[in-house]
Amino acid sequence: MRYAGYLRGLENVFNIHTTGQEIDLDAGKHKVDMLDGWGVDIGEFNILFRNTRTGLTISCKEILLPIQLYALDKRARRIFQFHIVDPGTYEVIFVKPESIVVKHSNLLFFGFLESPIPNSKLSVYIQ
């Protein structure tokens, strides 16, 4: 059932200005997609994951060749990846969310014509 997977994915979508959000993560490699646009300028934006049990903090690594895709029926750009060794519940911490700029298109011509998506509406999808 297509919509069952869609609804499960929604629990891993976070607005970049929220604080105190938690996510359950298994051990292994995880990816972070910026939703709603393909033209992404990360600036000084980053995401940290703090294990609620041990206090260990993990920082995301920027992807060298980000791919554009559709995630949850929205335009998305894969921007980060990270590796979890200790599975558990992690607090999601967004660092300098005001520095990221996202536009609907990544084409240079359209970049001059369109305005960025309002920063307060930006969300990430963590998988």
N, C-alpha and C. Protein backbone atom coordinates (compact mmCIF):
# COMPACT_ATOMS: atom_id res chain seq x y z
N MET A 1 0.84 -1.18 0.00
CA MET A 1 0.00 0.00 0.00
C MET A 1 0.89 1.25 0.00
N ARG A 2 0.79 2.04 -1.01
CA ARG A 2 1.68 3.19 -1.21
C ARG A 2 1.55 4.23 -0.09
N TYR A 3 0.35 4.53 0.34
CA TYR A 3 0.16 5.58 1.34
C TYR A 3 0.62 5.18 2.73
N ALA A 4 0.66 3.88 3.02
CA ALA A 4 1.15 3.43 4.32
C ALA A 4 2.62 3.82 4.47
N GLY A 5 3.42 3.60 3.43
CA GLY A 5 4.83 4.00 3.47
C GLY A 5 4.99 5.50 3.55
N TYR A 6 4.12 6.24 2.88
CA TYR A 6 4.15 7.70 2.91
C TYR A 6 3.92 8.20 4.32
N LEU A 7 2.91 7.65 5.01
CA LEU A 7 2.59 8.10 6.36
C LEU A 7 3.70 7.74 7.34
N ARG A 8 4.33 6.58 7.14
CA ARG A 8 5.46 6.21 8.01
C ARG A 8 6.61 7.20 7.83
N GLY A 9 6.84 7.67 6.60
CA GLY A 9 7.92 8.61 6.34
C GLY A 9 7.70 9.97 6.97
N LEU A 10 6.44 10.36 7.17
CA LEU A 10 6.14 11.68 7.72
C LEU A 10 6.66 11.87 9.14
N GLU A 11 6.83 10.79 9.88
CA GLU A 11 7.34 10.92 11.25
C GLU A 11 8.82 11.29 11.26
N ASN A 12 9.49 11.19 10.13
CA ASN A 12 10.90 11.55 10.03
C ASN A 12 11.11 12.86 9.30
N VAL A 13 10.08 13.69 9.20
CA VAL A 13 10.16 15.01 8.59
C VAL A 13 10.16 16.06 9.70
N PHE A 14 11.17 16.95 9.66
CA PHE A 14 11.31 17.96 10.71
C PHE A 14 11.50 19.33 10.10
N ASN A 15 10.77 20.32 10.61
CA ASN A 15 11.02 21.71 10.24
C ASN A 15 12.37 22.09 10.85
N ILE A 16 13.19 22.83 10.09
CA ILE A 16 14.55 23.12 10.55
C ILE A 16 14.61 24.13 11.70
N HIS A 17 13.48 24.70 12.07
CA HIS A 17 13.46 25.66 13.18
C HIS A 17 12.89 25.07 14.46
N THR A 18 12.54 23.77 14.45
CA THR A 18 11.99 23.15 15.65
C THR A 18 13.13 22.75 16.58
N THR A 19 12.84 22.69 17.85
CA THR A 19 13.83 22.24 18.84
C THR A 19 13.21 21.14 19.68
N GLY A 20 14.07 20.30 20.24
CA GLY A 20 13.59 19.25 21.13
C GLY A 20 12.96 18.06 20.42
N GLN A 21 13.12 17.95 19.11
CA GLN A 21 12.55 16.81 18.38
C GLN A 21 13.43 15.59 18.59
N GLU A 22 12.80 14.41 18.64
CA GLU A 22 13.55 13.17 18.81
C GLU A 22 13.20 12.19 17.71
N ILE A 23 14.17 11.32 17.39
CA ILE A 23 13.99 10.32 16.35
C ILE A 23 14.68 9.03 16.79
N ASP A 24 14.04 7.90 16.49
CA ASP A 24 14.64 6.60 16.77
C ASP A 24 15.45 6.18 15.55
N LEU A 25 16.73 5.90 15.76
CA LEU A 25 17.63 5.54 14.66
C LEU A 25 18.27 4.19 14.91
N ASP A 26 18.31 3.37 13.87
CA ASP A 26 19.01 2.09 13.91
C ASP A 26 20.48 2.33 13.59
N ALA A 27 21.30 1.34 13.91
CA ALA A 27 22.71 1.42 13.55
C ALA A 27 22.84 1.37 12.04
N GLY A 28 23.79 2.13 11.49
CA GLY A 28 24.03 2.13 10.06
C GLY A 28 24.11 3.53 9.49
N LYS A 29 24.15 3.57 8.16
CA LYS A 29 24.27 4.83 7.43
C LYS A 29 22.89 5.44 7.20
N HIS A 30 22.78 6.73 7.44
CA HIS A 30 21.52 7.45 7.26
C HIS A 30 21.74 8.65 6.34
N LYS A 31 20.65 9.11 5.72
CA LYS A 31 20.71 10.22 4.78
C LYS A 31 19.74 11.31 5.20
N VAL A 32 20.06 12.55 4.81
CA VAL A 32 19.20 13.69 5.09
C VAL A 32 18.89 14.39 3.77
N ASP A 33 17.60 14.55 3.48
CA ASP A 33 17.15 15.23 2.27
C ASP A 33 16.46 16.54 2.64
N MET A 34 16.80 17.62 1.93
CA MET A 34 16.11 18.89 2.08
C MET A 34 14.90 18.85 1.15
N LEU A 35 13.72 19.08 1.69
CA LEU A 35 12.48 18.98 0.92
C LEU A 35 12.11 20.30 0.25
N ASP A 36 11.32 20.21 -0.79
CA ASP A 36 10.65 21.32 -1.49
C ASP A 36 11.48 22.02 -2.56
N GLY A 37 12.74 21.69 -2.73
CA GLY A 37 13.50 22.38 -3.77
C GLY A 37 14.78 21.67 -4.12
N TRP A 38 15.29 21.96 -5.32
CA TRP A 38 16.54 21.36 -5.78
C TRP A 38 17.70 22.35 -5.74
N GLY A 39 17.42 23.63 -5.69
CA GLY A 39 18.48 24.63 -5.61
C GLY A 39 18.81 24.91 -4.16
N VAL A 40 19.83 24.26 -3.63
CA VAL A 40 20.14 24.36 -2.20
C VAL A 40 21.54 24.95 -2.01
N ASP A 41 21.61 26.01 -1.20
CA ASP A 41 22.88 26.59 -0.75
C ASP A 41 22.93 26.39 0.76
N ILE A 42 23.74 25.46 1.22
CA ILE A 42 23.74 25.05 2.63
C ILE A 42 24.23 26.15 3.56
N GLY A 43 25.17 26.95 3.12
CA GLY A 43 25.72 27.98 4.01
C GLY A 43 26.42 27.32 5.19
N GLU A 44 26.11 27.75 6.41
CA GLU A 44 26.71 27.19 7.62
C GLU A 44 25.77 26.23 8.33
N PHE A 45 24.70 25.83 7.67
CA PHE A 45 23.70 24.92 8.24
C PHE A 45 24.30 23.54 8.48
N ASN A 46 23.94 22.92 9.59
CA ASN A 46 24.33 21.55 9.89
C ASN A 46 23.30 20.94 10.83
N ILE A 47 23.37 19.63 10.98
CA ILE A 47 22.46 18.91 11.88
C ILE A 47 23.30 18.03 12.78
N LEU A 48 22.98 18.06 14.07
CA LEU A 48 23.63 17.20 15.07
C LEU A 48 22.59 16.24 15.63
N PHE A 49 23.04 15.06 16.00
CA PHE A 49 22.18 14.07 16.64
C PHE A 49 22.81 13.70 17.98
N ARG A 50 22.06 13.95 19.07
CA ARG A 50 22.56 13.66 20.42
C ARG A 50 21.79 12.47 20.99
N ASN A 51 22.53 11.41 21.33
CA ASN A 51 21.91 10.23 21.92
C ASN A 51 21.34 10.61 23.28
N THR A 52 20.06 10.34 23.50
CA THR A 52 19.42 10.75 24.75
C THR A 52 19.86 9.91 25.93
N ARG A 53 20.40 8.73 25.68
CA ARG A 53 20.86 7.85 26.76
C ARG A 53 22.31 8.11 27.14
N THR A 54 23.19 8.23 26.13
CA THR A 54 24.62 8.36 26.40
C THR A 54 25.15 9.78 26.31
N GLY A 55 24.41 10.67 25.62
CA GLY A 55 24.88 12.04 25.44
C GLY A 55 25.84 12.20 24.28
N LEU A 56 26.18 11.12 23.59
CA LEU A 56 27.09 11.17 22.45
C LEU A 56 26.45 11.98 21.32
N THR A 57 27.23 12.91 20.75
CA THR A 57 26.73 13.76 19.67
C THR A 57 27.40 13.39 18.36
N ILE A 58 26.59 13.25 17.30
CA ILE A 58 27.08 12.90 15.97
C ILE A 58 26.74 14.05 15.03
N SER A 59 27.72 14.46 14.23
CA SER A 59 27.54 15.54 13.27
C SER A 59 27.35 14.95 11.87
N CYS A 60 26.53 15.59 11.06
CA CYS A 60 26.34 15.16 9.68
C CYS A 60 27.51 15.59 8.82
N LYS A 61 27.77 14.82 7.80
CA LYS A 61 28.79 15.15 6.80
C LYS A 61 28.10 15.55 5.52
N GLU A 62 28.57 16.64 4.91
CA GLU A 62 27.98 17.11 3.66
C GLU A 62 28.32 16.15 2.53
N ILE A 63 27.36 15.85 1.68
CA ILE A 63 27.57 14.96 0.54
C ILE A 63 28.32 15.74 -0.54
N LEU A 64 29.37 15.12 -1.09
CA LEU A 64 30.18 15.79 -2.10
C LEU A 64 29.42 16.03 -3.40
N LEU A 65 28.68 15.04 -3.85
CA LEU A 65 27.88 15.16 -5.07
C LEU A 65 26.41 14.94 -4.71
N PRO A 66 25.73 15.99 -4.26
CA PRO A 66 24.34 15.82 -3.85
C PRO A 66 23.46 15.44 -5.03
N ILE A 67 22.53 14.54 -4.77
CA ILE A 67 21.61 14.13 -5.83
C ILE A 67 20.26 14.79 -5.61
N GLN A 68 19.55 14.99 -6.69
CA GLN A 68 18.19 15.50 -6.58
C GLN A 68 17.24 14.35 -6.85
N LEU A 69 16.15 14.33 -6.10
CA LEU A 69 15.22 13.23 -6.17
C LEU A 69 13.84 13.71 -5.73
N TYR A 70 12.91 12.80 -5.74
CA TYR A 70 11.60 13.05 -5.16
C TYR A 70 11.49 12.20 -3.91
N ALA A 71 11.20 12.84 -2.78
CA ALA A 71 11.00 12.14 -1.51
C ALA A 71 9.66 12.58 -0.96
N LEU A 72 8.82 11.62 -0.63
CA LEU A 72 7.48 11.91 -0.11
C LEU A 72 6.69 12.78 -1.08
N ASP A 73 6.84 12.52 -2.37
CA ASP A 73 6.15 13.24 -3.45
C ASP A 73 6.51 14.72 -3.52
N LYS A 74 7.69 15.08 -3.04
CA LYS A 74 8.18 16.46 -3.10
C LYS A 74 9.57 16.47 -3.72
N ARG A 75 9.95 17.60 -4.31
CA ARG A 75 11.33 17.75 -4.75
C ARG A 75 12.23 17.71 -3.53
N ALA A 76 13.36 17.04 -3.68
CA ALA A 76 14.28 16.93 -2.55
C ALA A 76 15.72 16.91 -3.06
N ARG A 77 16.61 17.35 -2.20
CA ARG A 77 18.04 17.33 -2.52
C ARG A 77 18.75 16.67 -1.35
N ARG A 78 19.49 15.60 -1.62
CA ARG A 78 20.24 14.93 -0.57
C ARG A 78 21.42 15.80 -0.21
N ILE A 79 21.50 16.23 1.06
CA ILE A 79 22.53 17.18 1.46
C ILE A 79 23.51 16.62 2.48
N PHE A 80 23.08 15.69 3.33
CA PHE A 80 23.95 15.17 4.39
C PHE A 80 23.83 13.66 4.48
N GLN A 81 24.85 13.07 5.11
CA GLN A 81 24.79 11.68 5.52
C GLN A 81 25.49 11.57 6.87
N PHE A 82 25.15 10.53 7.62
CA PHE A 82 25.79 10.31 8.91
C PHE A 82 25.70 8.83 9.25
N HIS A 83 26.55 8.41 10.16
CA HIS A 83 26.62 7.00 10.53
C HIS A 83 26.33 6.84 12.02
N ILE A 84 25.39 5.95 12.34
CA ILE A 84 25.02 5.67 13.72
C ILE A 84 25.63 4.32 14.12
N VAL A 85 26.38 4.30 15.22
CA VAL A 85 26.96 3.06 15.73
C VAL A 85 26.08 2.48 16.82
N ASP A 86 25.57 3.36 17.69
CA ASP A 86 24.76 2.94 18.83
C ASP A 86 23.29 3.25 18.55
N PRO A 87 22.46 2.25 18.23
CA PRO A 87 21.04 2.54 17.95
C PRO A 87 20.33 3.07 19.19
N GLY A 88 19.31 3.87 18.96
CA GLY A 88 18.56 4.42 20.08
C GLY A 88 17.80 5.67 19.68
N THR A 89 17.38 6.42 20.69
CA THR A 89 16.65 7.66 20.48
C THR A 89 17.64 8.81 20.49
N TYR A 90 17.53 9.67 19.48
CA TYR A 90 18.44 10.80 19.33
C TYR A 90 17.65 12.10 19.25
N GLU A 91 18.18 13.13 19.91
CA GLU A 91 17.61 14.47 19.77
C GLU A 91 18.20 15.10 18.51
N VAL A 92 17.34 15.73 17.70
CA VAL A 92 17.77 16.37 16.46
C VAL A 92 18.04 17.84 16.77
N ILE A 93 19.27 18.30 16.49
CA ILE A 93 19.67 19.67 16.78
C ILE A 93 20.06 20.34 15.47
N PHE A 94 19.37 21.41 15.11
CA PHE A 94 19.67 22.14 13.88
C PHE A 94 20.58 23.32 14.21
N VAL A 95 21.71 23.40 13.50
CA VAL A 95 22.72 24.43 13.72
C VAL A 95 22.62 25.47 12.60
N LYS A 96 22.43 26.72 12.96
CA LYS A 96 22.33 27.85 12.03
C LYS A 96 21.34 27.60 10.89
N PRO A 97 20.07 27.32 11.22
CA PRO A 97 19.08 27.06 10.17
C PRO A 97 18.79 28.27 9.29
N GLU A 98 19.07 29.47 9.79
CA GLU A 98 18.80 30.67 9.01
C GLU A 98 19.76 30.86 7.85
N SER A 99 20.86 30.09 7.83
CA SER A 99 21.87 30.29 6.79
C SER A 99 21.59 29.50 5.50
N ILE A 100 20.66 28.56 5.53
CA ILE A 100 20.39 27.75 4.34
C ILE A 100 19.38 28.46 3.43
N VAL A 101 19.61 28.37 2.13
CA VAL A 101 18.73 28.98 1.13
C VAL A 101 18.31 27.89 0.16
N VAL A 102 16.99 27.76 -0.06
CA VAL A 102 16.47 26.74 -0.97
C VAL A 102 15.56 27.40 -1.99
N LYS A 103 15.80 27.06 -3.26
CA LYS A 103 14.95 27.51 -4.36
C LYS A 103 14.33 26.29 -5.01
N HIS A 104 13.18 26.49 -5.63
CA HIS A 104 12.45 25.38 -6.25
C HIS A 104 13.29 24.70 -7.32
N SER A 105 13.99 25.47 -8.14
CA SER A 105 14.78 24.91 -9.25
C SER A 105 16.26 25.13 -8.99
N ASN A 106 17.09 24.24 -9.54
CA ASN A 106 18.53 24.43 -9.44
C ASN A 106 19.13 24.96 -10.74
N LEU A 107 18.28 25.28 -11.72
CA LEU A 107 18.77 25.81 -12.99
C LEU A 107 19.16 27.27 -12.83
N LEU A 108 20.29 27.63 -13.36
CA LEU A 108 20.84 28.97 -13.20
C LEU A 108 19.88 30.04 -13.69
N PHE A 109 19.26 29.82 -14.85
CA PHE A 109 18.34 30.80 -15.43
C PHE A 109 17.17 31.08 -14.49
N PHE A 110 16.56 30.01 -13.96
CA PHE A 110 15.42 30.20 -13.07
C PHE A 110 15.85 30.76 -11.72
N GLY A 111 17.10 30.53 -11.33
CA GLY A 111 17.60 31.04 -10.06
C GLY A 111 17.53 32.55 -9.97
N PHE A 112 17.71 33.23 -11.10
CA PHE A 112 17.62 34.69 -11.11
C PHE A 112 16.19 35.18 -11.03
N LEU A 113 15.25 34.37 -11.53
CA LEU A 113 13.86 34.80 -11.61
C LEU A 113 13.02 34.45 -10.39
N GLU A 114 13.37 33.38 -9.71
CA GLU A 114 12.53 32.95 -8.59
C GLU A 114 13.13 33.36 -7.25
N SER A 115 12.26 33.58 -6.30
CA SER A 115 12.73 33.92 -4.96
C SER A 115 12.85 32.64 -4.13
N PRO A 116 13.68 32.66 -3.11
CA PRO A 116 13.86 31.46 -2.28
C PRO A 116 12.58 31.09 -1.54
N ILE A 117 12.48 29.82 -1.20
CA ILE A 117 11.38 29.34 -0.36
C ILE A 117 11.58 29.96 1.03
N PRO A 118 10.52 30.47 1.67
CA PRO A 118 10.69 31.06 3.01
C PRO A 118 11.39 30.09 3.96
N ASN A 119 12.42 30.57 4.60
CA ASN A 119 13.26 29.75 5.47
C ASN A 119 12.45 29.09 6.58
N SER A 120 11.42 29.75 7.06
CA SER A 120 10.62 29.21 8.16
C SER A 120 9.81 27.98 7.74
N LYS A 121 9.67 27.73 6.44
CA LYS A 121 8.88 26.59 5.95
C LYS A 121 9.74 25.41 5.52
N LEU A 122 11.05 25.51 5.65
CA LEU A 122 11.95 24.45 5.19
C LEU A 122 11.94 23.25 6.13
N SER A 123 11.94 22.06 5.52
CA SER A 123 11.93 20.81 6.28
C SER A 123 12.95 19.84 5.72
N VAL A 124 13.41 18.93 6.58
CA VAL A 124 14.31 17.87 6.16
C VAL A 124 13.63 16.52 6.40
N TYR A 125 14.03 15.56 5.58
CA TYR A 125 13.54 14.19 5.70
C TYR A 125 14.73 13.32 6.05
N ILE A 126 14.67 12.65 7.20
CA ILE A 126 15.79 11.84 7.68
C ILE A 126 15.44 10.37 7.48
N GLN A 127 16.32 9.66 6.76
CA GLN A 127 16.08 8.24 6.49
C GLN A 127 17.27 7.40 6.90
